[in-house]
């Protein structure tokens, strides 16, 4: 049986190698910190580092082989995110069959990406899915809490499917374009910056944080963490942009700030959802990180922002 061939360019491989090197250093540091630690003070930190190994390995495998495998990976990620979301949000008994149509939107949305049908990719969920699901709900004849139920399903589709699917479309964005760029490089750029922004905001907040940013929504978020993370992410954006993207230095600064602040908004938005329904983590799938929504919350906002910035200025 012939194995699928790698399709990622050398610059992506070098950046992935650098990420692995950083994780190796982090693992060594955590191992030293935990030596003689009988209280388990650093157990959560160790769990997070181990989880990062798994996350990086899964992501690297997903983008390393042919495009169809990568797109299928993100389709699965959207499905699991939507399933986790709908398992947390109370739904009406009358909408059980309607949820089937919501899940069906996932493969259809990613099929448009595989076919590179850009216009359908843009309007399928905001227009066709929005209207069709509302029609199916009203035909059930149940009016009690109709608006809440419709908003729950539509918001889930817009974020977990439509918003996240922008990551997959980055893989085909460079096909036939005048700008010489590889989709895997664009994908790695936005995912790396988004996840790094989360880490940097946490670090800056823990070291210098004094002023709460949104205490009623996310008590641990601070103004210092937000600003320090956004500015640090911008510096990384400027450094990596020439290697992975067609962005000019000015645009790299704009994108870095956009990802820094957009990632923060995505994070606190999902925090508001969890606080509204009374849960701390959306799940326990990823040790040290919670559920899928806890890991992709920032990407739900940064992915479409970065995608449409590129579309407007470069494609």
C-alpha atoms as a PDB file:
ATOM      1  CA  UNK A   1       0.000   0.000   0.000  1.00  0.00           C
ATOM      2  CA  UNK A   2       1.427   3.343  -1.048  1.00  0.00           C
ATOM      3  CA  UNK A   3       1.516   5.937   1.730  1.00  0.00           C
ATOM      4  CA  UNK A   4       0.402   9.535   0.986  1.00  0.00           C
ATOM      5  CA  UNK A   5       3.301  11.863   0.257  1.00  0.00           C
ATOM      6  CA  UNK A   6       4.200  14.921   2.279  1.00  0.00           C
ATOM      7  CA  UNK A   7       3.104  18.150   0.614  1.00  0.00           C
ATOM      8  CA  UNK A   8       4.263  20.830   3.050  1.00  0.00           C
ATOM      9  CA  UNK A   9       7.049  23.215   1.997  1.00  0.00           C
ATOM     10  CA  UNK A  10      10.430  23.431   3.727  1.00  0.00           C
ATOM     11  CA  UNK A  11       9.634  26.686   5.561  1.00  0.00           C
ATOM     12  CA  UNK A  12       6.679  25.031   7.311  1.00  0.00           C
ATOM     13  CA  UNK A  13       8.827  22.057   8.287  1.00  0.00           C
ATOM     14  CA  UNK A  14      11.480  24.361   9.753  1.00  0.00           C
ATOM     15  CA  UNK A  15       8.908  26.227  11.842  1.00  0.00           C
ATOM     16  CA  UNK A  16       7.424  22.938  13.065  1.00  0.00           C
ATOM     17  CA  UNK A  17      10.938  21.800  13.987  1.00  0.00           C
ATOM     18  CA  UNK A  18      11.436  25.015  15.965  1.00  0.00           C
ATOM     19  CA  UNK A  19       8.168  24.396  17.830  1.00  0.00           C
ATOM     20  CA  UNK A  20       9.324  20.884  18.729  1.00  0.00           C
ATOM     21  CA  UNK A  21      12.626  22.324  19.975  1.00  0.00           C
ATOM     22  CA  UNK A  22      10.766  24.769  22.224  1.00  0.00           C
ATOM     23  CA  UNK A  23       8.617  21.944  23.593  1.00  0.00           C
ATOM     24  CA  UNK A  24      11.740  19.906  24.324  1.00  0.00           C
ATOM     25  CA  UNK A  25      13.182  22.796  26.339  1.00  0.00           C
ATOM     26  CA  UNK A  26       9.859  23.300  28.130  1.00  0.00           C
ATOM     27  CA  UNK A  27       9.687  19.591  28.985  1.00  0.00           C
ATOM     28  CA  UNK A  28      13.192  19.678  30.454  1.00  0.00           C
ATOM     29  CA  UNK A  29      12.393  22.765  32.528  1.00  0.00           C
ATOM     30  CA  UNK A  30       9.197  21.188  33.869  1.00  0.00           C
ATOM     31  CA  UNK A  31      11.071  17.964  34.679  1.00  0.00           C
ATOM     32  CA  UNK A  32      13.623  19.964  36.719  1.00  0.00           C
ATOM     33  CA  UNK A  33      10.842  21.900  38.470  1.00  0.00           C
ATOM     34  CA  UNK A  34       9.008  18.716  39.411  1.00  0.00           C
ATOM     35  CA  UNK A  35      12.103  16.988  40.816  1.00  0.00           C
ATOM     36  CA  UNK A  36      11.434  16.502  44.495  1.00  0.00           C
ATOM     37  CA  UNK A  37       7.990  18.112  44.207  1.00  0.00           C
ATOM     38  CA  UNK A  38       5.931  15.923  46.526  1.00  0.00           C
ATOM     39  CA  UNK A  39       3.048  18.411  46.747  1.00  0.00           C
ATOM     40  CA  UNK A  40       2.181  18.235  43.041  1.00  0.00           C
ATOM     41  CA  UNK A  41       2.536  21.998  42.728  1.00  0.00           C
ATOM     42  CA  UNK A  42       3.553  21.796  39.086  1.00  0.00           C
ATOM     43  CA  UNK A  43       1.304  18.898  38.076  1.00  0.00           C
ATOM     44  CA  UNK A  44      -1.046  21.108  36.035  1.00  0.00           C
ATOM     45  CA  UNK A  45       1.900  22.689  34.203  1.00  0.00           C
ATOM     46  CA  UNK A  46       3.274  19.252  33.371  1.00  0.00           C
ATOM     47  CA  UNK A  47      -0.130  18.140  32.083  1.00  0.00           C
ATOM     48  CA  UNK A  48      -0.323  21.196  29.851  1.00  0.00           C
ATOM     49  CA  UNK A  49       3.119  20.558  28.352  1.00  0.00           C
ATOM     50  CA  UNK A  50       2.220  16.924  27.653  1.00  0.00           C
ATOM     51  CA  UNK A  51      -1.006  18.049  26.035  1.00  0.00           C
ATOM     52  CA  UNK A  52       0.894  20.503  23.830  1.00  0.00           C
ATOM     53  CA  UNK A  53       2.977  17.607  22.548  1.00  0.00           C
ATOM     54  CA  UNK A  54      -0.211  15.801  21.539  1.00  0.00           C
ATOM     55  CA  UNK A  55      -1.762  18.926  19.992  1.00  0.00           C
ATOM     56  CA  UNK A  56       1.338  19.757  17.953  1.00  0.00           C
ATOM     57  CA  UNK A  57       1.670  16.151  16.773  1.00  0.00           C
ATOM     58  CA  UNK A  58      -1.978  15.983  15.661  1.00  0.00           C
ATOM     59  CA  UNK A  59      -1.780  19.322  13.872  1.00  0.00           C
ATOM     60  CA  UNK A  60       1.494  18.424  12.152  1.00  0.00           C
ATOM     61  CA  UNK A  61       0.077  15.117  10.909  1.00  0.00           C
ATOM     62  CA  UNK A  62      -3.102  16.824   9.718  1.00  0.00           C
ATOM     63  CA  UNK A  63      -1.277  19.305   7.474  1.00  0.00           C
ATOM     64  CA  UNK A  64       1.593  17.060   6.435  1.00  0.00           C
ATOM     65  CA  UNK A  65      -0.267  14.878   3.957  1.00  0.00           C
ATOM     66  CA  UNK A  66      -2.504  15.588   0.997  1.00  0.00           C
ATOM     67  CA  UNK A  67      -4.976  18.430   1.184  1.00  0.00           C
ATOM     68  CA  UNK A  68      -8.016  16.180   1.417  1.00  0.00           C
ATOM     69  CA  UNK A  69      -6.733  14.675   4.675  1.00  0.00           C
ATOM     70  CA  UNK A  70      -6.163  18.120   6.165  1.00  0.00           C
ATOM     71  CA  UNK A  71      -9.630  19.342   5.154  1.00  0.00           C
ATOM     72  CA  UNK A  72     -11.192  16.161   6.569  1.00  0.00           C
ATOM     73  CA  UNK A  73      -9.314  16.782   9.833  1.00  0.00           C
ATOM     74  CA  UNK A  74     -10.826  20.255  10.200  1.00  0.00           C
ATOM     75  CA  UNK A  75     -14.267  18.908   9.278  1.00  0.00           C
ATOM     76  CA  UNK A  76     -13.923  16.408  12.123  1.00  0.00           C
ATOM     77  CA  UNK A  77     -12.748  19.190  14.439  1.00  0.00           C
ATOM     78  CA  UNK A  78     -15.826  21.278  13.550  1.00  0.00           C
ATOM     79  CA  UNK A  79     -18.113  18.309  14.112  1.00  0.00           C
ATOM     80  CA  UNK A  80     -16.606  17.572  17.541  1.00  0.00           C
ATOM     81  CA  UNK A  81     -16.722  21.261  18.513  1.00  0.00           C
ATOM     82  CA  UNK A  82     -20.382  21.557  17.456  1.00  0.00           C
ATOM     83  CA  UNK A  83     -21.223  18.321  19.292  1.00  0.00           C
ATOM     84  CA  UNK A  84     -19.480  19.534  22.448  1.00  0.00           C
ATOM     85  CA  UNK A  85     -21.261  22.887  22.197  1.00  0.00           C
ATOM     86  CA  UNK A  86     -24.705  21.341  21.699  1.00  0.00           C
ATOM     87  CA  UNK A  87     -24.082  18.882  24.546  1.00  0.00           C
ATOM     88  CA  UNK A  88     -23.535  21.840  26.885  1.00  0.00           C
ATOM     89  CA  UNK A  89     -26.430  24.025  25.712  1.00  0.00           C
ATOM     90  CA  UNK A  90     -29.933  22.853  26.720  1.00  0.00           C
ATOM     91  CA  UNK A  91     -32.017  22.030  23.648  1.00  0.00           C
ATOM     92  CA  UNK A  92     -35.742  21.437  23.286  1.00  0.00           C
ATOM     93  CA  UNK A  93     -37.071  17.928  22.731  1.00  0.00           C
ATOM     94  CA  UNK A  94     -38.849  19.252  19.645  1.00  0.00           C
ATOM     95  CA  UNK A  95     -35.489  20.152  18.073  1.00  0.00           C
ATOM     96  CA  UNK A  96     -33.885  16.709  18.287  1.00  0.00           C
ATOM     97  CA  UNK A  97     -34.522  15.996  14.598  1.00  0.00           C
ATOM     98  CA  UNK A  98     -33.513  19.520  13.627  1.00  0.00           C
ATOM     99  CA  UNK A  99     -30.066  18.879  15.084  1.00  0.00           C
ATOM    100  CA  UNK A 100     -29.502  16.263  12.390  1.00  0.00           C
ATOM    101  CA  UNK A 101     -29.635  19.030   9.768  1.00  0.00           C
ATOM    102  CA  UNK A 102     -27.250  21.138  11.833  1.00  0.00           C
ATOM    103  CA  UNK A 103     -24.691  18.306  11.883  1.00  0.00           C
ATOM    104  CA  UNK A 104     -25.217  17.732   8.167  1.00  0.00           C
ATOM    105  CA  UNK A 105     -24.018  21.293   7.558  1.00  0.00           C
ATOM    106  CA  UNK A 106     -20.502  20.254   8.610  1.00  0.00           C
ATOM    107  CA  UNK A 107     -19.620  17.929   5.702  1.00  0.00           C
ATOM    108  CA  UNK A 108     -21.411  20.219   3.240  1.00  0.00           C
ATOM    109  CA  UNK A 109     -19.472  23.288   4.381  1.00  0.00           C
ATOM    110  CA  UNK A 110     -16.157  21.468   3.977  1.00  0.00           C
ATOM    111  CA  UNK A 111     -17.224  20.010   0.636  1.00  0.00           C
ATOM    112  CA  UNK A 112     -17.466  23.578  -0.723  1.00  0.00           C
ATOM    113  CA  UNK A 113     -13.895  24.099   0.476  1.00  0.00           C
ATOM    114  CA  UNK A 114     -12.684  20.920  -1.238  1.00  0.00           C
ATOM    115  CA  UNK A 115     -14.402  22.110  -4.441  1.00  0.00           C
ATOM    116  CA  UNK A 116     -12.993  25.635  -3.909  1.00  0.00           C
ATOM    117  CA  UNK A 117     -16.498  27.058  -4.368  1.00  0.00           C
ATOM    118  CA  UNK A 118     -15.813  30.321  -2.587  1.00  0.00           C
ATOM    119  CA  UNK A 119     -19.226  31.968  -2.956  1.00  0.00           C
ATOM    120  CA  UNK A 120     -21.067  28.932  -1.583  1.00  0.00           C
ATOM    121  CA  UNK A 121     -18.506  28.679   1.220  1.00  0.00           C
ATOM    122  CA  UNK A 122     -19.395  32.246   2.206  1.00  0.00           C
ATOM    123  CA  UNK A 123     -23.197  32.059   2.036  1.00  0.00           C
ATOM    124  CA  UNK A 124     -24.083  28.441   2.800  1.00  0.00           C
ATOM    125  CA  UNK A 125     -24.334  28.738   6.593  1.00  0.00           C
ATOM    126  CA  UNK A 126     -25.224  32.462   6.999  1.00  0.00           C
ATOM    127  CA  UNK A 127     -27.991  32.214   4.346  1.00  0.00           C
ATOM    128  CA  UNK A 128     -29.069  28.719   3.313  1.00  0.00           C
ATOM    129  CA  UNK A 129     -28.523  26.884   6.602  1.00  0.00           C
ATOM    130  CA  UNK A 130     -29.960  29.814   8.551  1.00  0.00           C
ATOM    131  CA  UNK A 131     -33.187  29.818   6.517  1.00  0.00           C
ATOM    132  CA  UNK A 132     -33.554  26.043   6.200  1.00  0.00           C
ATOM    133  CA  UNK A 133     -33.080  25.276   9.885  1.00  0.00           C
ATOM    134  CA  UNK A 134     -35.487  28.049  10.883  1.00  0.00           C
ATOM    135  CA  UNK A 135     -38.026  26.541   8.480  1.00  0.00           C
ATOM    136  CA  UNK A 136     -37.564  23.042   9.916  1.00  0.00           C
ATOM    137  CA  UNK A 137     -37.966  24.387  13.453  1.00  0.00           C
ATOM    138  CA  UNK A 138     -41.142  26.316  12.755  1.00  0.00           C
ATOM    139  CA  UNK A 139     -42.688  23.361  10.900  1.00  0.00           C
ATOM    140  CA  UNK A 140     -42.406  21.389  14.129  1.00  0.00           C
ATOM    141  CA  UNK A 141     -45.128  23.681  15.468  1.00  0.00           C
ATOM    142  CA  UNK A 142     -43.380  24.320  18.816  1.00  0.00           C
ATOM    143  CA  UNK A 143     -43.293  28.032  19.718  1.00  0.00           C
ATOM    144  CA  UNK A 144     -42.153  27.793  23.337  1.00  0.00           C
ATOM    145  CA  UNK A 145     -38.614  29.254  23.595  1.00  0.00           C
ATOM    146  CA  UNK A 146     -38.379  29.240  19.806  1.00  0.00           C
ATOM    147  CA  UNK A 147     -36.122  32.306  19.625  1.00  0.00           C
ATOM    148  CA  UNK A 148     -33.675  30.952  22.216  1.00  0.00           C
ATOM    149  CA  UNK A 149     -33.508  27.571  20.510  1.00  0.00           C
ATOM    150  CA  UNK A 150     -33.034  29.061  17.041  1.00  0.00           C
ATOM    151  CA  UNK A 151     -30.327  31.414  18.298  1.00  0.00           C
ATOM    152  CA  UNK A 152     -28.509  28.558  20.034  1.00  0.00           C
ATOM    153  CA  UNK A 153     -28.315  26.414  16.893  1.00  0.00           C
ATOM    154  CA  UNK A 154     -27.518  29.257  14.505  1.00  0.00           C
ATOM    155  CA  UNK A 155     -24.821  30.713  16.746  1.00  0.00           C
ATOM    156  CA  UNK A 156     -23.243  27.281  17.093  1.00  0.00           C
ATOM    157  CA  UNK A 157     -23.148  26.828  13.318  1.00  0.00           C
ATOM    158  CA  UNK A 158     -21.686  30.285  12.735  1.00  0.00           C
ATOM    159  CA  UNK A 159     -18.853  29.784  15.212  1.00  0.00           C
ATOM    160  CA  UNK A 160     -18.054  26.066  15.369  1.00  0.00           C
ATOM    161  CA  UNK A 161     -18.562  25.399  11.649  1.00  0.00           C
ATOM    162  CA  UNK A 162     -18.447  28.604   9.611  1.00  0.00           C
ATOM    163  CA  UNK A 163     -15.819  30.410  11.686  1.00  0.00           C
ATOM    164  CA  UNK A 164     -13.570  27.383  12.092  1.00  0.00           C
ATOM    165  CA  UNK A 165     -13.878  26.369   8.420  1.00  0.00           C
ATOM    166  CA  UNK A 166     -11.852  29.447   7.448  1.00  0.00           C
ATOM    167  CA  UNK A 167      -8.792  27.550   8.658  1.00  0.00           C
ATOM    168  CA  UNK A 168      -9.424  24.812   6.099  1.00  0.00           C
ATOM    169  CA  UNK A 169     -10.015  27.305   3.290  1.00  0.00           C
ATOM    170  CA  UNK A 170      -6.561  28.755   3.908  1.00  0.00           C
ATOM    171  CA  UNK A 171      -5.210  25.455   2.539  1.00  0.00           C
ATOM    172  CA  UNK A 172      -6.643  26.183  -0.916  1.00  0.00           C
ATOM    173  CA  UNK A 173      -6.406  29.964  -0.853  1.00  0.00           C
ATOM    174  CA  UNK A 174      -3.157  30.168  -2.811  1.00  0.00           C
ATOM    175  CA  UNK A 175      -4.302  28.000  -5.737  1.00  0.00           C
ATOM    176  CA  UNK A 176      -4.074  30.004  -8.937  1.00  0.00           C
ATOM    177  CA  UNK A 177      -3.402  33.238  -7.063  1.00  0.00           C
ATOM    178  CA  UNK A 178      -0.890  35.858  -8.182  1.00  0.00           C
ATOM    179  CA  UNK A 179       0.675  35.753  -4.714  1.00  0.00           C
ATOM    180  CA  UNK A 180       3.130  32.889  -4.286  1.00  0.00           C
ATOM    181  CA  UNK A 181       2.173  31.331  -0.962  1.00  0.00           C
ATOM    182  CA  UNK A 182       1.455  27.838   0.367  1.00  0.00           C
ATOM    183  CA  UNK A 183      -1.808  27.203   2.208  1.00  0.00           C
ATOM    184  CA  UNK A 184      -0.131  25.131   4.918  1.00  0.00           C
ATOM    185  CA  UNK A 185       2.173  28.072   5.705  1.00  0.00           C
ATOM    186  CA  UNK A 186      -0.782  30.451   6.114  1.00  0.00           C
ATOM    187  CA  UNK A 187      -2.565  27.927   8.297  1.00  0.00           C
ATOM    188  CA  UNK A 188       0.466  27.375  10.520  1.00  0.00           C
ATOM    189  CA  UNK A 189       0.964  31.137  10.831  1.00  0.00           C
ATOM    190  CA  UNK A 190      -2.516  31.946  12.157  1.00  0.00           C
ATOM    191  CA  UNK A 191      -2.769  28.859  14.400  1.00  0.00           C
ATOM    192  CA  UNK A 192       0.692  29.394  15.877  1.00  0.00           C
ATOM    193  CA  UNK A 193       0.121  33.090  16.546  1.00  0.00           C
ATOM    194  CA  UNK A 194      -3.313  32.481  18.049  1.00  0.00           C
ATOM    195  CA  UNK A 195      -2.150  29.754  20.411  1.00  0.00           C
ATOM    196  CA  UNK A 196       1.018  31.653  21.274  1.00  0.00           C
ATOM    197  CA  UNK A 197      -1.084  34.736  22.019  1.00  0.00           C
ATOM    198  CA  UNK A 198      -3.095  32.720  24.561  1.00  0.00           C
ATOM    199  CA  UNK A 199       0.111  31.579  26.271  1.00  0.00           C
ATOM    200  CA  UNK A 200       1.688  35.046  26.238  1.00  0.00           C
ATOM    201  CA  UNK A 201      -1.419  36.699  27.662  1.00  0.00           C
ATOM    202  CA  UNK A 202      -1.406  34.112  30.441  1.00  0.00           C
ATOM    203  CA  UNK A 203       2.304  34.691  31.180  1.00  0.00           C
ATOM    204  CA  UNK A 204       2.080  38.497  31.126  1.00  0.00           C
ATOM    205  CA  UNK A 205      -1.064  38.375  33.237  1.00  0.00           C
ATOM    206  CA  UNK A 206       0.536  36.133  35.861  1.00  0.00           C
ATOM    207  CA  UNK A 207       3.731  38.200  36.071  1.00  0.00           C
ATOM    208  CA  UNK A 208       2.505  41.797  35.737  1.00  0.00           C
ATOM    209  CA  UNK A 209      -1.286  41.591  35.902  1.00  0.00           C
ATOM    210  CA  UNK A 210      -2.836  44.103  38.295  1.00  0.00           C
ATOM    211  CA  UNK A 211      -5.976  45.429  36.593  1.00  0.00           C
ATOM    212  CA  UNK A 212      -8.868  43.134  35.707  1.00  0.00           C
ATOM    213  CA  UNK A 213      -9.991  43.323  32.098  1.00  0.00           C
ATOM    214  CA  UNK A 214     -13.418  41.633  32.322  1.00  0.00           C
ATOM    215  CA  UNK A 215     -13.754  40.355  35.859  1.00  0.00           C
ATOM    216  CA  UNK A 216     -17.411  39.372  35.540  1.00  0.00           C
ATOM    217  CA  UNK A 217     -16.664  37.224  32.488  1.00  0.00           C
ATOM    218  CA  UNK A 218     -13.116  35.911  33.032  1.00  0.00           C
ATOM    219  CA  UNK A 219     -11.670  36.895  36.436  1.00  0.00           C
ATOM    220  CA  UNK A 220      -8.079  35.894  35.538  1.00  0.00           C
ATOM    221  CA  UNK A 221      -7.861  38.114  32.456  1.00  0.00           C
ATOM    222  CA  UNK A 222      -5.956  41.355  33.050  1.00  0.00           C
ATOM    223  CA  UNK A 223      -5.301  44.504  31.048  1.00  0.00           C
ATOM    224  CA  UNK A 224      -1.562  43.915  31.383  1.00  0.00           C
ATOM    225  CA  UNK A 225      -1.941  40.373  30.084  1.00  0.00           C
ATOM    226  CA  UNK A 226      -4.003  41.549  27.124  1.00  0.00           C
ATOM    227  CA  UNK A 227      -1.611  44.338  26.123  1.00  0.00           C
ATOM    228  CA  UNK A 228       1.561  42.325  26.789  1.00  0.00           C
ATOM    229  CA  UNK A 229       0.230  39.328  24.869  1.00  0.00           C
ATOM    230  CA  UNK A 230      -0.997  41.393  21.920  1.00  0.00           C
ATOM    231  CA  UNK A 231       2.278  43.325  21.599  1.00  0.00           C
ATOM    232  CA  UNK A 232       4.404  40.169  21.968  1.00  0.00           C
ATOM    233  CA  UNK A 233       2.260  38.399  19.369  1.00  0.00           C
ATOM    234  CA  UNK A 234       2.767  41.345  17.035  1.00  0.00           C
ATOM    235  CA  UNK A 235       6.540  41.017  17.347  1.00  0.00           C
ATOM    236  CA  UNK A 236       6.319  37.311  16.510  1.00  0.00           C
ATOM    237  CA  UNK A 237       4.050  38.157  13.578  1.00  0.00           C
ATOM    238  CA  UNK A 238       6.633  40.563  12.168  1.00  0.00           C
ATOM    239  CA  UNK A 239       9.373  37.951  12.600  1.00  0.00           C
ATOM    240  CA  UNK A 240       7.462  35.046  11.010  1.00  0.00           C
ATOM    241  CA  UNK A 241       5.528  36.881   8.290  1.00  0.00           C
ATOM    242  CA  UNK A 242       8.396  36.924   5.728  1.00  0.00           C
ATOM    243  CA  UNK A 243       8.901  33.187   6.248  1.00  0.00           C
ATOM    244  CA  UNK A 244       5.282  32.005   6.057  1.00  0.00           C
ATOM    245  CA  UNK A 245       3.149  34.732   4.452  1.00  0.00           C
ATOM    246  CA  UNK A 246       3.125  37.432   1.745  1.00  0.00           C
ATOM    247  CA  UNK A 247       2.448  40.118   4.387  1.00  0.00           C
ATOM    248  CA  UNK A 248       4.417  43.346   4.324  1.00  0.00           C
ATOM    249  CA  UNK A 249       5.871  44.580   7.611  1.00  0.00           C
ATOM    250  CA  UNK A 250       3.016  47.059   8.083  1.00  0.00           C
ATOM    251  CA  UNK A 251       0.417  44.388   7.388  1.00  0.00           C
ATOM    252  CA  UNK A 252       2.234  41.936   9.683  1.00  0.00           C
ATOM    253  CA  UNK A 253       1.906  44.494  12.493  1.00  0.00           C
ATOM    254  CA  UNK A 254      -1.793  44.930  11.726  1.00  0.00           C
ATOM    255  CA  UNK A 255      -2.344  41.157  11.668  1.00  0.00           C
ATOM    256  CA  UNK A 256      -0.402  40.666  14.906  1.00  0.00           C
ATOM    257  CA  UNK A 257      -2.564  43.221  16.707  1.00  0.00           C
ATOM    258  CA  UNK A 258      -5.699  41.805  15.120  1.00  0.00           C
ATOM    259  CA  UNK A 259      -4.880  38.281  16.288  1.00  0.00           C
ATOM    260  CA  UNK A 260      -3.829  39.550  19.731  1.00  0.00           C
ATOM    261  CA  UNK A 261      -7.058  41.413  20.420  1.00  0.00           C
ATOM    262  CA  UNK A 262      -9.292  39.125  18.334  1.00  0.00           C
ATOM    263  CA  UNK A 263      -8.016  36.072  20.191  1.00  0.00           C
ATOM    264  CA  UNK A 264      -8.815  37.757  23.498  1.00  0.00           C
ATOM    265  CA  UNK A 265     -12.388  38.490  22.379  1.00  0.00           C
ATOM    266  CA  UNK A 266     -12.848  34.906  21.176  1.00  0.00           C
ATOM    267  CA  UNK A 267     -11.571  33.584  24.495  1.00  0.00           C
ATOM    268  CA  UNK A 268     -13.822  35.744  26.673  1.00  0.00           C
ATOM    269  CA  UNK A 269     -16.831  35.156  24.399  1.00  0.00           C
ATOM    270  CA  UNK A 270     -16.665  31.392  24.983  1.00  0.00           C
ATOM    271  CA  UNK A 271     -16.006  32.137  28.668  1.00  0.00           C
ATOM    272  CA  UNK A 272     -19.271  34.122  28.712  1.00  0.00           C
ATOM    273  CA  UNK A 273     -21.099  31.155  27.170  1.00  0.00           C
ATOM    274  CA  UNK A 274     -19.660  28.745  29.767  1.00  0.00           C
ATOM    275  CA  UNK A 275     -20.422  31.151  32.616  1.00  0.00           C
ATOM    276  CA  UNK A 276     -23.984  31.521  31.365  1.00  0.00           C
ATOM    277  CA  UNK A 277     -24.579  27.762  31.497  1.00  0.00           C
ATOM    278  CA  UNK A 278     -22.551  27.274  34.683  1.00  0.00           C
ATOM    279  CA  UNK A 279     -19.524  25.211  33.582  1.00  0.00           C
ATOM    280  CA  UNK A 280     -15.817  25.886  34.063  1.00  0.00           C
ATOM    281  CA  UNK A 281     -14.448  23.772  31.195  1.00  0.00           C
ATOM    282  CA  UNK A 282     -16.346  22.670  28.113  1.00  0.00           C
ATOM    283  CA  UNK A 283     -15.026  19.118  28.572  1.00  0.00           C
ATOM    284  CA  UNK A 284     -12.111  16.980  29.710  1.00  0.00           C
ATOM    285  CA  UNK A 285     -10.908  15.629  26.368  1.00  0.00           C
ATOM    286  CA  UNK A 286      -7.518  17.386  26.606  1.00  0.00           C
ATOM    287  CA  UNK A 287      -5.782  16.996  30.012  1.00  0.00           C
ATOM    288  CA  UNK A 288      -4.716  20.383  31.333  1.00  0.00           C
ATOM    289  CA  UNK A 289      -6.686  22.215  28.635  1.00  0.00           C
ATOM    290  CA  UNK A 290     -10.319  21.201  29.121  1.00  0.00           C
ATOM    291  CA  UNK A 291     -12.474  20.437  26.113  1.00  0.00           C
ATOM    292  CA  UNK A 292     -12.230  21.289  22.434  1.00  0.00           C
ATOM    293  CA  UNK A 293     -13.971  24.646  22.863  1.00  0.00           C
ATOM    294  CA  UNK A 294     -11.436  25.625  25.517  1.00  0.00           C
ATOM    295  CA  UNK A 295      -8.659  25.087  22.971  1.00  0.00           C
ATOM    296  CA  UNK A 296     -10.215  26.630  19.848  1.00  0.00           C
ATOM    297  CA  UNK A 297     -12.109  29.542  21.414  1.00  0.00           C
ATOM    298  CA  UNK A 298      -9.634  32.162  20.176  1.00  0.00           C
ATOM    299  CA  UNK A 299      -9.397  30.579  16.702  1.00  0.00           C
ATOM    300  CA  UNK A 300     -13.136  30.996  16.224  1.00  0.00           C
ATOM    301  CA  UNK A 301     -12.474  34.737  15.902  1.00  0.00           C
ATOM    302  CA  UNK A 302      -8.910  34.973  14.601  1.00  0.00           C
ATOM    303  CA  UNK A 303      -9.394  32.497  11.723  1.00  0.00           C
ATOM    304  CA  UNK A 304     -12.079  34.501   9.838  1.00  0.00           C
ATOM    305  CA  UNK A 305     -10.371  37.819  10.672  1.00  0.00           C
ATOM    306  CA  UNK A 306      -7.033  36.677   9.250  1.00  0.00           C
ATOM    307  CA  UNK A 307      -8.656  34.959   6.259  1.00  0.00           C
ATOM    308  CA  UNK A 308     -10.646  37.982   5.114  1.00  0.00           C
ATOM    309  CA  UNK A 309      -7.720  40.329   5.718  1.00  0.00           C
ATOM    310  CA  UNK A 310      -5.711  38.217   3.276  1.00  0.00           C
ATOM    311  CA  UNK A 311      -8.605  38.000   0.815  1.00  0.00           C
ATOM    312  CA  UNK A 312      -9.117  41.752   0.768  1.00  0.00           C
ATOM    313  CA  UNK A 313      -5.500  42.865   0.493  1.00  0.00           C
ATOM    314  CA  UNK A 314      -3.730  39.976  -1.260  1.00  0.00           C
ATOM    315  CA  UNK A 315      -6.159  37.754  -3.149  1.00  0.00           C
END
